């Protein structure tokens, strides 16, 4: 792993919550504070007050009976800098449902838009497929709480309102415009 890659990974992972998987049912959660500059196989730390030092690989094998496979990767650092706690990446799982506040790259933006920008017919089809796939009518929890999900979309009576007339600054060539089909042109118009 190059230094530049390590810095990118560290930046992306800092603050992310992870859950450890090597302790059976005890799923402890940690917040990532950094990434080690050394590979897992090179990391060691004091295990007691007498100054006994163990490698991360040795510690995981002796303490948890877990043999680390990817010893060339760095460890995730959790806890503070004074008393760091090293977690091999392979024993960590990112906790679901976390907000991602960092900027997305072009590829991620494209993928996000592809999923979120759907035509109404496609969205309807997806919703109906999801409802059918989840089979809420068979779900014991939904039944227990008396929750019923109709497999059809609700039909709602509605009307389309006329578009509002948009007013622009008096110094522009056009002072107002009536949008058509939800869009309008800003050419030769000045905003307030």
Foldseek 3Di string as FASTA:
>chain_A
DDPVVQVVVFVQQAQFKKWFALQPPPTDIFGFHGWDPFFQQPAWDADDPVRDIDGNQRCCCVPRVDHDDRRRGIFTWTDDPVDTDTHRPVRIDTDPDDDRPDDDDPVVVVVVCVVPDDDPVVVQVVVLVVCVVVPLVPDPVCVVVVHDDDSHDDDDDDDDDAADWAAFDPVFPDGIHGDDPPDDDCPRTHHD
